[in-house]
C-alpha cells in the first residue's frame, strides 16, 4: 500500500512538473546597437504572450517579484545609468499584495547604455530575473542568462 502511494505521488509530481515546463509565456531576445562612437544600447526585449504580464523593475516591495537585470563585470565595458523600460506601463492595485503593481503586457524593451573602454570588440553578459502572471496564476521566478556582442 505504501509503495502504491509513493508511486502515485511521484506520477502526480511528474505531471505537475511537465505542465509547469510547458508554460513559457515570455520569450526574450538580446541585441546591441551602436549609437555613436564607443557607445552602445543593449536591448533586452520581452515578448509577452497574450493574457500574461511581467513586472516593472520599479514594482514596490511587498508586490510580485520585479524584473531584475544584472550585468557580469567586464573591465572593458562601462555600464552607465539605470536600465530604461520602453513599453506601455500598466498600474493596478492588487489586493492580494496590498500594493499598486507596475506591469507590462505584450512587449517591453529594457535598454541599457554601455561604453566600450577600448577599440576592440567585447561582450556584455548578465541575466534577467522575472516573474510572469496571468489572471489565475503566477509562475515561479525565472532567470534567463544572456550575452551580446559589442562591436
N, C-alpha and C. Protein backbone atom coordinates (compact mmCIF):
# COMPACT_ATOMS: atom_id res chain seq x y z
N UNK A 1 0.83 -1.19 0.00
CA UNK A 1 0.00 0.00 0.00
C UNK A 1 0.87 1.26 0.00
N UNK A 2 1.92 1.24 0.82
CA UNK A 2 2.80 2.40 0.90
C UNK A 2 3.50 2.63 -0.44
N UNK A 3 3.90 1.57 -1.10
CA UNK A 3 4.57 1.67 -2.39
C UNK A 3 3.64 2.28 -3.43
N UNK A 4 2.38 1.91 -3.40
CA UNK A 4 1.40 2.46 -4.35
C UNK A 4 1.24 3.96 -4.12
N UNK A 5 1.16 4.40 -2.87
CA UNK A 5 1.03 5.83 -2.57
C UNK A 5 2.24 6.61 -3.06
N UNK A 6 3.43 6.05 -2.82
CA UNK A 6 4.65 6.74 -3.26
C UNK A 6 4.67 6.84 -4.78
N UNK A 7 4.31 5.76 -5.47
CA UNK A 7 4.27 5.78 -6.94
C UNK A 7 3.26 6.81 -7.45
N UNK A 8 2.11 6.89 -6.81
CA UNK A 8 1.09 7.86 -7.24
C UNK A 8 1.57 9.29 -7.01
N UNK A 9 2.23 9.55 -5.89
CA UNK A 9 2.77 10.88 -5.62
C UNK A 9 3.84 11.25 -6.64
N UNK A 10 4.70 10.30 -6.98
CA UNK A 10 5.74 10.56 -7.98
C UNK A 10 5.12 10.85 -9.35
N UNK A 11 4.09 10.11 -9.72
CA UNK A 11 3.42 10.36 -11.01
C UNK A 11 2.76 11.73 -11.01
N UNK A 12 2.11 12.10 -9.92
CA UNK A 12 1.48 13.41 -9.82
C UNK A 12 2.51 14.52 -9.92
N UNK A 13 3.62 14.37 -9.23
CA UNK A 13 4.69 15.37 -9.29
C UNK A 13 5.25 15.49 -10.70
N UNK A 14 5.37 14.38 -11.41
CA UNK A 14 5.86 14.40 -12.79
C UNK A 14 4.90 15.15 -13.69
N UNK A 15 3.60 14.89 -13.56
CA UNK A 15 2.59 15.57 -14.38
C UNK A 15 2.59 17.07 -14.10
N UNK A 16 2.62 17.45 -12.84
CA UNK A 16 2.63 18.87 -12.47
C UNK A 16 3.90 19.54 -13.00
N UNK A 17 5.04 18.88 -12.85
CA UNK A 17 6.30 19.43 -13.35
C UNK A 17 6.29 19.60 -14.86
N UNK A 18 5.72 18.64 -15.57
CA UNK A 18 5.65 18.73 -17.03
C UNK A 18 4.75 19.87 -17.46
N UNK A 19 3.63 20.08 -16.77
CA UNK A 19 2.74 21.19 -17.11
C UNK A 19 3.42 22.53 -16.86
N UNK A 20 4.15 22.65 -15.76
CA UNK A 20 4.84 23.90 -15.45
C UNK A 20 5.89 24.21 -16.50
N UNK A 21 6.58 23.18 -17.02
CA UNK A 21 7.60 23.40 -18.03
C UNK A 21 6.99 23.82 -19.35
N UNK A 22 5.76 23.40 -19.64
CA UNK A 22 5.12 23.75 -20.91
C UNK A 22 4.73 25.22 -20.94
N UNK A 23 4.50 25.81 -19.79
CA UNK A 23 4.13 27.22 -19.75
C UNK A 23 5.39 28.06 -19.88
N UNK A 24 5.49 28.77 -20.97
CA UNK A 24 6.63 29.65 -21.21
C UNK A 24 6.09 30.90 -21.90
N UNK A 25 5.36 31.75 -21.16
CA UNK A 25 4.65 32.86 -21.79
C UNK A 25 5.53 34.06 -22.16
N UNK A 26 6.82 34.03 -21.82
CA UNK A 26 7.69 35.17 -22.12
C UNK A 26 8.89 34.68 -22.92
N UNK A 27 9.09 35.29 -24.09
CA UNK A 27 10.24 34.99 -24.94
C UNK A 27 11.17 36.20 -24.92
N UNK A 28 12.45 35.96 -24.67
CA UNK A 28 13.42 37.05 -24.57
C UNK A 28 14.34 37.06 -25.79
N UNK A 29 14.68 38.28 -26.24
CA UNK A 29 15.72 38.46 -27.24
C UNK A 29 16.69 39.51 -26.71
N UNK A 30 17.95 39.36 -27.07
CA UNK A 30 19.00 40.24 -26.57
C UNK A 30 19.83 40.72 -27.76
N UNK A 31 19.92 42.06 -27.90
CA UNK A 31 20.65 42.64 -29.02
C UNK A 31 21.43 43.86 -28.55
N UNK A 32 22.38 44.28 -29.39
CA UNK A 32 23.09 45.53 -29.12
C UNK A 32 23.08 46.36 -30.40
N UNK A 33 23.14 47.66 -30.21
CA UNK A 33 23.12 48.59 -31.33
C UNK A 33 24.09 49.72 -31.03
N UNK A 34 25.01 49.97 -31.98
CA UNK A 34 25.96 51.07 -31.81
C UNK A 34 25.22 52.38 -31.98
N UNK A 35 25.35 53.27 -30.99
CA UNK A 35 24.65 54.55 -31.03
C UNK A 35 25.57 55.62 -31.62
N UNK A 36 26.78 55.72 -31.06
CA UNK A 36 27.72 56.73 -31.52
C UNK A 36 29.09 56.40 -30.94
N UNK A 37 30.09 56.40 -31.79
CA UNK A 37 31.45 56.15 -31.30
C UNK A 37 31.56 54.83 -30.57
N UNK A 38 31.89 54.89 -29.30
CA UNK A 38 32.05 53.68 -28.50
C UNK A 38 30.87 53.45 -27.54
N UNK A 39 29.73 54.10 -27.83
CA UNK A 39 28.50 53.97 -27.01
C UNK A 39 27.54 53.01 -27.71
N UNK A 40 26.98 52.08 -26.92
CA UNK A 40 26.03 51.09 -27.43
C UNK A 40 24.77 51.08 -26.57
N UNK A 41 23.67 50.71 -27.21
CA UNK A 41 22.44 50.38 -26.49
C UNK A 41 22.34 48.86 -26.47
N UNK A 42 22.11 48.31 -25.29
CA UNK A 42 21.85 46.88 -25.16
C UNK A 42 20.35 46.74 -24.89
N UNK A 43 19.68 45.96 -25.75
CA UNK A 43 18.24 45.76 -25.65
C UNK A 43 17.94 44.35 -25.15
N UNK A 44 17.17 44.28 -24.07
CA UNK A 44 16.69 43.02 -23.51
C UNK A 44 15.17 43.08 -23.66
N UNK A 45 14.67 42.42 -24.70
CA UNK A 45 13.27 42.57 -25.10
C UNK A 45 12.46 41.34 -24.71
N UNK A 46 11.35 41.59 -24.01
CA UNK A 46 10.44 40.52 -23.61
C UNK A 46 9.18 40.59 -24.47
N UNK A 47 8.90 39.51 -25.18
CA UNK A 47 7.63 39.36 -25.89
C UNK A 47 6.75 38.51 -24.99
N UNK A 48 5.65 39.12 -24.52
CA UNK A 48 4.80 38.50 -23.51
C UNK A 48 3.52 37.99 -24.18
N UNK A 49 3.25 36.72 -23.98
CA UNK A 49 2.07 36.08 -24.55
C UNK A 49 0.79 36.76 -24.07
N UNK A 50 -0.21 36.82 -24.93
CA UNK A 50 -1.49 37.45 -24.60
C UNK A 50 -2.06 36.85 -23.31
N UNK A 51 -2.54 37.72 -22.43
CA UNK A 51 -3.13 37.29 -21.16
C UNK A 51 -2.14 37.24 -20.01
N UNK A 52 -0.86 37.41 -20.31
CA UNK A 52 0.19 37.34 -19.30
C UNK A 52 0.81 38.71 -19.09
N UNK A 53 1.45 38.90 -17.94
CA UNK A 53 2.16 40.14 -17.64
C UNK A 53 3.51 39.80 -17.01
N UNK A 54 4.45 40.75 -17.14
CA UNK A 54 5.65 40.72 -16.32
C UNK A 54 5.72 42.07 -15.62
N UNK A 55 6.57 42.17 -14.64
CA UNK A 55 6.54 43.34 -13.76
C UNK A 55 7.73 44.27 -13.98
N UNK A 56 7.46 45.54 -13.76
CA UNK A 56 8.47 46.58 -13.88
C UNK A 56 9.57 46.38 -12.84
N UNK A 57 10.74 46.94 -13.14
CA UNK A 57 11.85 46.94 -12.17
C UNK A 57 11.47 47.75 -10.94
N UNK A 58 10.49 48.63 -11.10
CA UNK A 58 10.12 49.56 -10.03
C UNK A 58 8.86 49.12 -9.28
N UNK A 59 8.45 47.87 -9.44
CA UNK A 59 7.30 47.36 -8.69
C UNK A 59 7.63 47.43 -7.20
N UNK A 60 6.72 48.00 -6.39
CA UNK A 60 7.04 48.22 -4.98
C UNK A 60 7.23 46.93 -4.18
N UNK A 61 7.99 47.06 -3.11
CA UNK A 61 8.22 45.95 -2.19
C UNK A 61 6.88 45.46 -1.64
N UNK A 62 6.78 44.17 -1.47
CA UNK A 62 5.54 43.58 -0.98
C UNK A 62 4.68 43.07 -2.12
N UNK A 63 4.98 43.49 -3.34
CA UNK A 63 4.25 43.04 -4.52
C UNK A 63 4.92 41.84 -5.14
N UNK A 64 4.55 41.55 -6.38
CA UNK A 64 5.20 40.45 -7.08
C UNK A 64 6.66 40.79 -7.36
N UNK A 65 7.43 39.78 -7.73
CA UNK A 65 8.85 39.98 -7.99
C UNK A 65 9.06 40.95 -9.15
N UNK A 66 9.75 42.06 -8.90
CA UNK A 66 10.05 42.97 -10.01
C UNK A 66 11.09 42.35 -10.94
N UNK A 67 11.09 42.75 -12.19
CA UNK A 67 12.12 42.31 -13.11
C UNK A 67 13.45 42.89 -12.63
N UNK A 68 14.48 42.06 -12.64
CA UNK A 68 15.80 42.48 -12.17
C UNK A 68 16.83 42.10 -13.23
N UNK A 69 17.63 43.06 -13.64
CA UNK A 69 18.66 42.82 -14.64
C UNK A 69 20.02 43.06 -13.99
N UNK A 70 20.88 42.07 -14.07
CA UNK A 70 22.22 42.21 -13.53
C UNK A 70 23.23 41.93 -14.64
N UNK A 71 24.35 42.64 -14.60
CA UNK A 71 25.39 42.51 -15.60
C UNK A 71 26.63 41.91 -14.98
N UNK A 72 27.27 41.00 -15.69
CA UNK A 72 28.53 40.43 -15.27
C UNK A 72 29.62 41.47 -15.46
N UNK A 73 30.47 41.64 -14.47
CA UNK A 73 31.54 42.63 -14.57
C UNK A 73 32.46 42.30 -15.74
N UNK A 74 32.75 43.33 -16.53
CA UNK A 74 33.67 43.21 -17.64
C UNK A 74 34.53 44.48 -17.62
N UNK A 75 35.84 44.36 -17.40
CA UNK A 75 36.69 45.54 -17.29
C UNK A 75 36.76 46.37 -18.57
N UNK A 76 36.31 45.81 -19.70
CA UNK A 76 36.35 46.53 -20.97
C UNK A 76 35.07 47.30 -21.25
N UNK A 77 34.05 47.13 -20.39
CA UNK A 77 32.74 47.74 -20.64
C UNK A 77 32.31 48.55 -19.43
N UNK A 78 31.90 49.79 -19.67
CA UNK A 78 31.37 50.65 -18.63
C UNK A 78 29.85 50.70 -18.78
N UNK A 79 29.14 50.25 -17.75
CA UNK A 79 27.67 50.25 -17.76
C UNK A 79 27.23 51.54 -17.09
N UNK A 80 26.44 52.36 -17.82
CA UNK A 80 26.09 53.68 -17.30
C UNK A 80 24.61 53.86 -17.03
N UNK A 81 24.31 54.36 -15.84
CA UNK A 81 22.93 54.72 -15.50
C UNK A 81 22.03 53.52 -15.29
N UNK A 82 20.74 53.83 -15.18
CA UNK A 82 19.72 52.80 -14.94
C UNK A 82 19.25 52.18 -16.24
N UNK A 83 18.73 50.97 -16.13
CA UNK A 83 18.11 50.31 -17.27
C UNK A 83 16.76 50.99 -17.51
N UNK A 84 16.55 51.49 -18.74
CA UNK A 84 15.27 52.13 -19.09
C UNK A 84 14.26 51.08 -19.52
N UNK A 85 13.00 51.36 -19.28
CA UNK A 85 11.91 50.48 -19.69
C UNK A 85 11.13 51.19 -20.80
N UNK A 86 11.02 50.54 -21.95
CA UNK A 86 10.29 51.11 -23.07
C UNK A 86 9.13 50.18 -23.39
N UNK A 87 7.92 50.66 -23.13
CA UNK A 87 6.72 49.86 -23.35
C UNK A 87 5.54 50.56 -22.72
N UNK A 88 4.39 49.94 -22.82
CA UNK A 88 3.16 50.52 -22.26
C UNK A 88 3.00 50.03 -20.81
N UNK A 89 3.40 50.89 -19.87
CA UNK A 89 3.38 50.54 -18.46
C UNK A 89 1.95 50.60 -17.92
N UNK A 90 1.53 49.52 -17.28
CA UNK A 90 0.22 49.49 -16.63
C UNK A 90 0.40 49.58 -15.12
N UNK A 91 -0.65 50.03 -14.45
CA UNK A 91 -0.62 50.13 -13.00
C UNK A 91 -1.99 49.74 -12.47
N UNK A 92 -2.01 48.85 -11.48
CA UNK A 92 -3.29 48.48 -10.85
C UNK A 92 -3.04 48.04 -9.43
N UNK A 93 -4.04 48.25 -8.61
CA UNK A 93 -3.95 47.82 -7.21
C UNK A 93 -4.27 46.34 -7.14
N UNK A 94 -3.40 45.59 -6.50
CA UNK A 94 -3.62 44.15 -6.30
C UNK A 94 -3.88 43.91 -4.82
N UNK A 95 -5.12 43.56 -4.50
CA UNK A 95 -5.49 43.30 -3.11
C UNK A 95 -4.65 42.19 -2.49
N UNK A 96 -4.32 41.20 -3.30
CA UNK A 96 -3.57 40.06 -2.79
C UNK A 96 -2.21 40.49 -2.23
N UNK A 97 -1.61 41.52 -2.83
CA UNK A 97 -0.32 42.03 -2.35
C UNK A 97 -0.48 43.28 -1.49
N UNK A 98 -1.60 43.97 -1.65
CA UNK A 98 -1.83 45.20 -0.90
C UNK A 98 -1.03 46.39 -1.42
N UNK A 99 -0.59 46.33 -2.69
CA UNK A 99 0.18 47.43 -3.29
C UNK A 99 -0.28 47.65 -4.73
N UNK A 100 0.08 48.81 -5.27
CA UNK A 100 -0.12 49.08 -6.68
C UNK A 100 1.03 48.44 -7.44
N UNK A 101 0.73 47.54 -8.37
CA UNK A 101 1.78 46.87 -9.13
C UNK A 101 1.95 47.56 -10.48
N UNK A 102 3.18 47.56 -10.97
CA UNK A 102 3.53 48.13 -12.26
C UNK A 102 3.90 46.98 -13.18
N UNK A 103 3.23 46.90 -14.34
CA UNK A 103 3.38 45.71 -15.17
C UNK A 103 3.40 46.06 -16.66
N UNK A 104 3.82 45.08 -17.45
CA UNK A 104 3.81 45.20 -18.90
C UNK A 104 3.10 44.00 -19.49
N UNK A 105 2.33 44.26 -20.54
CA UNK A 105 1.71 43.22 -21.35
C UNK A 105 2.32 43.30 -22.74
N UNK A 106 2.18 42.28 -23.50
CA UNK A 106 2.59 42.21 -24.92
C UNK A 106 4.10 42.30 -25.12
N UNK A 107 4.68 43.49 -24.89
CA UNK A 107 6.10 43.65 -25.18
C UNK A 107 6.68 44.77 -24.33
N UNK A 108 7.91 44.56 -23.87
CA UNK A 108 8.64 45.61 -23.16
C UNK A 108 10.11 45.46 -23.54
N UNK A 109 10.76 46.59 -23.73
CA UNK A 109 12.16 46.63 -24.10
C UNK A 109 12.94 47.29 -22.97
N UNK A 110 13.84 46.55 -22.35
CA UNK A 110 14.71 47.09 -21.31
C UNK A 110 16.00 47.51 -22.02
N UNK A 111 16.39 48.78 -21.86
CA UNK A 111 17.51 49.32 -22.62
C UNK A 111 18.58 49.86 -21.66
N UNK A 112 19.82 49.42 -21.88
CA UNK A 112 20.95 49.86 -21.07
C UNK A 112 22.02 50.46 -21.98
N UNK A 113 22.48 51.67 -21.63
CA UNK A 113 23.60 52.28 -22.36
C UNK A 113 24.90 51.77 -21.77
N UNK A 114 25.84 51.43 -22.66
CA UNK A 114 27.16 50.98 -22.24
C UNK A 114 28.21 51.64 -23.12
N UNK A 115 29.43 51.68 -22.59
CA UNK A 115 30.54 52.29 -23.33
C UNK A 115 31.71 51.32 -23.32
N UNK A 116 32.28 51.11 -24.51
CA UNK A 116 33.49 50.30 -24.60
C UNK A 116 34.67 51.15 -24.16
N UNK A 117 35.53 50.59 -23.32
CA UNK A 117 36.70 51.32 -22.84
C UNK A 117 37.87 51.23 -23.82
N UNK A 118 37.80 50.27 -24.76
CA UNK A 118 38.86 50.14 -25.75
C UNK A 118 38.24 50.02 -27.13
N UNK A 119 39.06 50.02 -28.14
CA UNK A 119 38.57 49.95 -29.53
C UNK A 119 38.25 48.54 -29.98
N UNK A 120 38.67 47.54 -29.22
CA UNK A 120 38.44 46.16 -29.65
C UNK A 120 37.04 45.69 -29.25
N UNK A 121 36.46 44.78 -30.04
CA UNK A 121 35.13 44.25 -29.73
C UNK A 121 35.11 43.55 -28.38
N UNK A 122 33.95 43.54 -27.75
CA UNK A 122 33.80 42.90 -26.45
C UNK A 122 32.40 42.31 -26.35
N UNK A 123 32.09 41.76 -25.20
CA UNK A 123 30.76 41.21 -24.93
C UNK A 123 30.25 41.74 -23.60
N UNK A 124 28.94 41.83 -23.51
CA UNK A 124 28.30 42.15 -22.24
C UNK A 124 27.39 40.98 -21.90
N UNK A 125 27.59 40.41 -20.73
CA UNK A 125 26.80 39.27 -20.29
C UNK A 125 26.04 39.64 -19.02
N UNK A 126 25.06 38.86 -18.71
CA UNK A 126 24.29 39.07 -17.50
C UNK A 126 23.11 38.13 -17.43
N UNK A 127 22.12 38.54 -16.63
CA UNK A 127 20.91 37.72 -16.52
C UNK A 127 19.71 38.61 -16.21
N UNK A 128 18.57 38.14 -16.64
CA UNK A 128 17.29 38.78 -16.34
C UNK A 128 16.52 37.83 -15.43
N UNK A 129 16.07 38.35 -14.30
CA UNK A 129 15.20 37.58 -13.40
C UNK A 129 13.83 38.22 -13.45
N UNK A 130 12.79 37.41 -13.67
CA UNK A 130 11.44 37.96 -13.82
C UNK A 130 10.41 36.94 -13.37
N UNK A 131 9.18 37.42 -13.25
CA UNK A 131 8.06 36.57 -12.90
C UNK A 131 6.91 36.91 -13.84
N UNK A 132 6.24 35.90 -14.35
CA UNK A 132 5.10 36.09 -15.24
C UNK A 132 3.82 35.61 -14.55
N UNK A 133 2.75 36.40 -14.72
CA UNK A 133 1.46 36.04 -14.12
C UNK A 133 0.34 36.25 -15.14
N UNK A 134 -0.74 35.49 -14.97
CA UNK A 134 -1.98 35.76 -15.69
C UNK A 134 -3.08 35.94 -14.65
N UNK A 135 -4.34 35.90 -15.05
CA UNK A 135 -5.44 36.15 -14.09
C UNK A 135 -5.57 35.06 -13.04
N UNK A 136 -5.00 33.88 -13.30
CA UNK A 136 -5.21 32.76 -12.40
C UNK A 136 -3.97 32.28 -11.66
N UNK A 137 -2.80 32.62 -12.17
CA UNK A 137 -1.60 32.05 -11.56
C UNK A 137 -0.37 32.91 -11.84
N UNK A 138 0.62 32.72 -11.00
CA UNK A 138 1.94 33.29 -11.22
C UNK A 138 2.91 32.12 -11.32
N UNK A 139 3.77 32.18 -12.30
CA UNK A 139 4.80 31.15 -12.45
C UNK A 139 5.95 31.46 -11.50
N UNK A 140 6.72 30.46 -11.13
CA UNK A 140 7.89 30.72 -10.28
C UNK A 140 8.85 31.67 -10.99
N UNK A 141 9.60 32.46 -10.23
CA UNK A 141 10.58 33.36 -10.86
C UNK A 141 11.54 32.55 -11.74
N UNK A 142 11.96 33.21 -12.82
CA UNK A 142 12.84 32.55 -13.78
C UNK A 142 14.04 33.45 -14.06
N UNK A 143 15.20 32.85 -14.28
CA UNK A 143 16.40 33.58 -14.65
C UNK A 143 16.79 33.20 -16.06
N UNK A 144 17.06 34.21 -16.88
CA UNK A 144 17.48 33.98 -18.26
C UNK A 144 18.84 34.64 -18.45
N UNK A 145 19.88 33.83 -18.69
CA UNK A 145 21.21 34.41 -18.94
C UNK A 145 21.28 34.96 -20.37
N UNK A 146 22.16 35.95 -20.57
CA UNK A 146 22.35 36.49 -21.92
C UNK A 146 23.78 36.94 -22.10
N UNK A 147 24.15 37.09 -23.37
CA UNK A 147 25.44 37.64 -23.75
C UNK A 147 25.27 38.29 -25.11
N UNK A 148 25.70 39.54 -25.25
CA UNK A 148 25.59 40.24 -26.52
C UNK A 148 26.97 40.78 -26.91
N UNK A 149 27.20 40.80 -28.21
CA UNK A 149 28.46 41.33 -28.74
C UNK A 149 28.38 42.83 -28.85
N UNK A 150 29.49 43.48 -28.58
CA UNK A 150 29.63 44.92 -28.74
C UNK A 150 30.77 45.11 -29.74
N UNK A 151 30.43 45.45 -30.99
CA UNK A 151 31.48 45.60 -32.00
C UNK A 151 31.10 46.59 -33.06
